Amino acid sequence: MRFEYTVKSDIFTSSQRIILIKETKEGLLLSVKVKPKSHKDEVEGVENDYLKVRIRAAPEKGNANDSLIETLSLFFGIPKSHIEIASGATSRIKKILIPLKYMFIIKEKLKSDLSQ
């Protein structure tokens, strides 16, 4: 069974859905939009097709990517070593790969924190 987590938003009609995370053979792919040089590190919420994450670090020498992984690790409560950037290492739009064994944790965290 394939897993896609979606969030409905009031600004969309009931037929439109935001796909935040998708199950693949390699693991879960999380769509993330990063805002570097922010005032704090935080998962802000859902924006369009992405999980919006603010990062204090500047996008230099991989600092923002490291901060992104740390922020996601703290938000989901999973080890940093199990989170990797699958694509978009030099872009603000990224695909984050997380092992399938964390599917339930991620689904519940997104549901409880972002669907409010």
C-alpha atoms as a PDB file:
ATOM      1  CA  MET A   1       0.000   0.000   0.000  1.00  0.00           C
ATOM      2  CA  ARG A   2       1.389   3.383  -1.035  1.00  0.00           C
ATOM      3  CA  PHE A   3       1.284   6.282   1.422  1.00  0.00           C
ATOM      4  CA  GLU A   4       0.732   9.944   0.546  1.00  0.00           C
ATOM      5  CA  TYR A   5      -0.014  12.379   3.347  1.00  0.00           C
ATOM      6  CA  THR A   6      -2.168  15.309   2.334  1.00  0.00           C
ATOM      7  CA  VAL A   7      -3.493  18.346   4.124  1.00  0.00           C
ATOM      8  CA  LYS A   8      -6.642  20.154   3.054  1.00  0.00           C
ATOM      9  CA  SER A   9      -6.637  23.918   3.340  1.00  0.00           C
ATOM     10  CA  ASP A  10      -9.547  26.351   3.471  1.00  0.00           C
ATOM     11  CA  ILE A  11      -8.118  28.301   0.530  1.00  0.00           C
ATOM     12  CA  PHE A  12      -8.469  25.281  -1.774  1.00  0.00           C
ATOM     13  CA  THR A  13     -11.587  23.592  -3.044  1.00  0.00           C
ATOM     14  CA  SER A  14     -12.281  20.141  -1.650  1.00  0.00           C
ATOM     15  CA  SER A  15     -10.879  18.497  -4.793  1.00  0.00           C
ATOM     16  CA  GLN A  16      -7.475  20.184  -4.457  1.00  0.00           C
ATOM     17  CA  ARG A  17      -4.952  18.571  -2.138  1.00  0.00           C
ATOM     18  CA  ILE A  18      -1.458  19.340  -0.986  1.00  0.00           C
ATOM     19  CA  ILE A  19       0.914  16.383  -1.158  1.00  0.00           C
ATOM     20  CA  LEU A  20       3.569  16.890   1.490  1.00  0.00           C
ATOM     21  CA  ILE A  21       5.064  13.449   1.699  1.00  0.00           C
ATOM     22  CA  LYS A  22       5.207  10.499  -0.645  1.00  0.00           C
ATOM     23  CA  GLU A  23       6.251   6.892  -0.140  1.00  0.00           C
ATOM     24  CA  THR A  24       8.963   5.582  -2.485  1.00  0.00           C
ATOM     25  CA  LYS A  25      11.117   2.454  -2.573  1.00  0.00           C
ATOM     26  CA  GLU A  26      13.911   4.414  -0.893  1.00  0.00           C
ATOM     27  CA  GLY A  27      11.757   5.888   1.873  1.00  0.00           C
ATOM     28  CA  LEU A  28       9.489   8.861   2.501  1.00  0.00           C
ATOM     29  CA  LEU A  29      10.067  11.963   0.371  1.00  0.00           C
ATOM     30  CA  LEU A  30       9.105  15.154   2.164  1.00  0.00           C
ATOM     31  CA  SER A  31       8.704  18.337   0.096  1.00  0.00           C
ATOM     32  CA  VAL A  32      10.268  21.273   1.951  1.00  0.00           C
ATOM     33  CA  LYS A  33      10.622  24.986   1.236  1.00  0.00           C
ATOM     34  CA  VAL A  34      13.447  26.575   3.247  1.00  0.00           C
ATOM     35  CA  LYS A  35      13.746  30.227   4.253  1.00  0.00           C
ATOM     36  CA  PRO A  36      17.373  30.787   5.318  1.00  0.00           C
ATOM     37  CA  LYS A  37      18.588  33.740   7.416  1.00  0.00           C
ATOM     38  CA  SER A  38      15.385  33.768   9.489  1.00  0.00           C
ATOM     39  CA  HIS A  39      15.108  34.949  13.087  1.00  0.00           C
ATOM     40  CA  LYS A  40      14.791  31.374  14.416  1.00  0.00           C
ATOM     41  CA  ASP A  41      14.836  27.715  13.391  1.00  0.00           C
ATOM     42  CA  GLU A  42      11.275  26.398  13.138  1.00  0.00           C
ATOM     43  CA  VAL A  43       8.826  24.370  11.112  1.00  0.00           C
ATOM     44  CA  GLU A  44       6.340  27.074  10.237  1.00  0.00           C
ATOM     45  CA  GLY A  45       3.584  25.122   8.524  1.00  0.00           C
ATOM     46  CA  VAL A  46       2.295  24.224   5.098  1.00  0.00           C
ATOM     47  CA  GLU A  47       2.613  26.571   2.128  1.00  0.00           C
ATOM     48  CA  ASN A  48       1.316  25.419  -1.264  1.00  0.00           C
ATOM     49  CA  ASP A  49       2.955  22.024  -1.902  1.00  0.00           C
ATOM     50  CA  TYR A  50       5.647  22.287   0.777  1.00  0.00           C
ATOM     51  CA  LEU A  51       6.398  22.090   4.459  1.00  0.00           C
ATOM     52  CA  LYS A  52       7.777  25.576   5.172  1.00  0.00           C
ATOM     53  CA  VAL A  53      10.868  25.631   7.402  1.00  0.00           C
ATOM     54  CA  ARG A  54      12.668  28.739   8.664  1.00  0.00           C
ATOM     55  CA  ILE A  55      16.408  28.464   9.315  1.00  0.00           C
ATOM     56  CA  ARG A  56      18.721  31.005  10.993  1.00  0.00           C
ATOM     57  CA  ALA A  57      21.807  29.864   9.087  1.00  0.00           C
ATOM     58  CA  ALA A  58      22.870  31.459   5.821  1.00  0.00           C
ATOM     59  CA  PRO A  59      22.952  29.248   2.722  1.00  0.00           C
ATOM     60  CA  GLU A  60      26.748  29.048   2.700  1.00  0.00           C
ATOM     61  CA  LYS A  61      29.009  25.991   2.933  1.00  0.00           C
ATOM     62  CA  GLY A  62      26.059  23.709   3.711  1.00  0.00           C
ATOM     63  CA  ASN A  63      25.213  25.517   6.954  1.00  0.00           C
ATOM     64  CA  ALA A  64      21.534  25.960   6.068  1.00  0.00           C
ATOM     65  CA  ASN A  65      21.248  22.305   5.025  1.00  0.00           C
ATOM     66  CA  ASP A  66      22.765  21.164   8.319  1.00  0.00           C
ATOM     67  CA  SER A  67      20.371  23.429  10.240  1.00  0.00           C
ATOM     68  CA  LEU A  68      17.436  22.139   8.201  1.00  0.00           C
ATOM     69  CA  ILE A  69      18.272  18.530   9.064  1.00  0.00           C
ATOM     70  CA  GLU A  70      18.659  19.430  12.736  1.00  0.00           C
ATOM     71  CA  THR A  71      15.354  21.343  12.780  1.00  0.00           C
ATOM     72  CA  LEU A  72      13.478  18.474  11.114  1.00  0.00           C
ATOM     73  CA  SER A  73      15.112  16.005  13.503  1.00  0.00           C
ATOM     74  CA  LEU A  74      13.888  17.973  16.514  1.00  0.00           C
ATOM     75  CA  PHE A  75      10.425  18.535  15.025  1.00  0.00           C
ATOM     76  CA  PHE A  76       9.809  14.868  14.164  1.00  0.00           C
ATOM     77  CA  GLY A  77      11.845  13.393  17.022  1.00  0.00           C
ATOM     78  CA  ILE A  78      13.978  11.186  14.795  1.00  0.00           C
ATOM     79  CA  PRO A  79      17.792  10.976  14.560  1.00  0.00           C
ATOM     80  CA  LYS A  80      19.601  13.427  12.273  1.00  0.00           C
ATOM     81  CA  SER A  81      21.469  10.490  10.755  1.00  0.00           C
ATOM     82  CA  HIS A  82      18.157   9.201   9.337  1.00  0.00           C
ATOM     83  CA  ILE A  83      17.337  12.423   7.472  1.00  0.00           C
ATOM     84  CA  GLU A  84      19.005  13.257   4.172  1.00  0.00           C
ATOM     85  CA  ILE A  85      18.558  15.773   1.392  1.00  0.00           C
ATOM     86  CA  ALA A  86      17.593  13.727  -1.671  1.00  0.00           C
ATOM     87  CA  SER A  87      17.457  16.692  -4.050  1.00  0.00           C
ATOM     88  CA  GLY A  88      17.762  20.465  -3.979  1.00  0.00           C
ATOM     89  CA  ALA A  89      20.930  20.779  -1.885  1.00  0.00           C
ATOM     90  CA  THR A  90      21.606  24.238  -3.376  1.00  0.00           C
ATOM     91  CA  SER A  91      17.957  25.268  -3.723  1.00  0.00           C
ATOM     92  CA  ARG A  92      15.324  26.564  -1.310  1.00  0.00           C
ATOM     93  CA  ILE A  93      12.990  23.818  -2.542  1.00  0.00           C
ATOM     94  CA  LYS A  94      14.193  20.420  -1.318  1.00  0.00           C
ATOM     95  CA  LYS A  95      13.135  16.791  -1.179  1.00  0.00           C
ATOM     96  CA  ILE A  96      14.023  15.207   2.145  1.00  0.00           C
ATOM     97  CA  LEU A  97      14.405  11.423   2.351  1.00  0.00           C
ATOM     98  CA  ILE A  98      13.437   9.683   5.599  1.00  0.00           C
ATOM     99  CA  PRO A  99      13.312   5.887   6.159  1.00  0.00           C
ATOM    100  CA  LEU A 100       9.897   4.224   5.904  1.00  0.00           C
ATOM    101  CA  LYS A 101      10.083   3.017   9.498  1.00  0.00           C
ATOM    102  CA  TYR A 102       9.274   6.608  10.587  1.00  0.00           C
ATOM    103  CA  MET A 103       6.080   6.843   8.514  1.00  0.00           C
ATOM    104  CA  PHE A 104       3.714   6.659  11.502  1.00  0.00           C
ATOM    105  CA  ILE A 105       5.710   9.200  13.540  1.00  0.00           C
ATOM    106  CA  ILE A 106       5.821  11.679  10.657  1.00  0.00           C
ATOM    107  CA  LYS A 107       2.158  11.217   9.770  1.00  0.00           C
ATOM    108  CA  GLU A 108       1.040  11.770  13.365  1.00  0.00           C
ATOM    109  CA  LYS A 109       3.318  14.790  13.881  1.00  0.00           C
ATOM    110  CA  LEU A 110       2.088  16.462  10.691  1.00  0.00           C
ATOM    111  CA  LYS A 111      -1.509  15.733  11.622  1.00  0.00           C
ATOM    112  CA  SER A 112      -1.232  17.026  15.183  1.00  0.00           C
ATOM    113  CA  ASP A 113       0.986  20.082  14.651  1.00  0.00           C
ATOM    114  CA  LEU A 114       0.065  21.331  11.191  1.00  0.00           C
ATOM    115  CA  SER A 115      -3.606  20.500  10.760  1.00  0.00           C
ATOM    116  CA  GLN A 116      -4.706  22.847  13.548  1.00  0.00           C
END
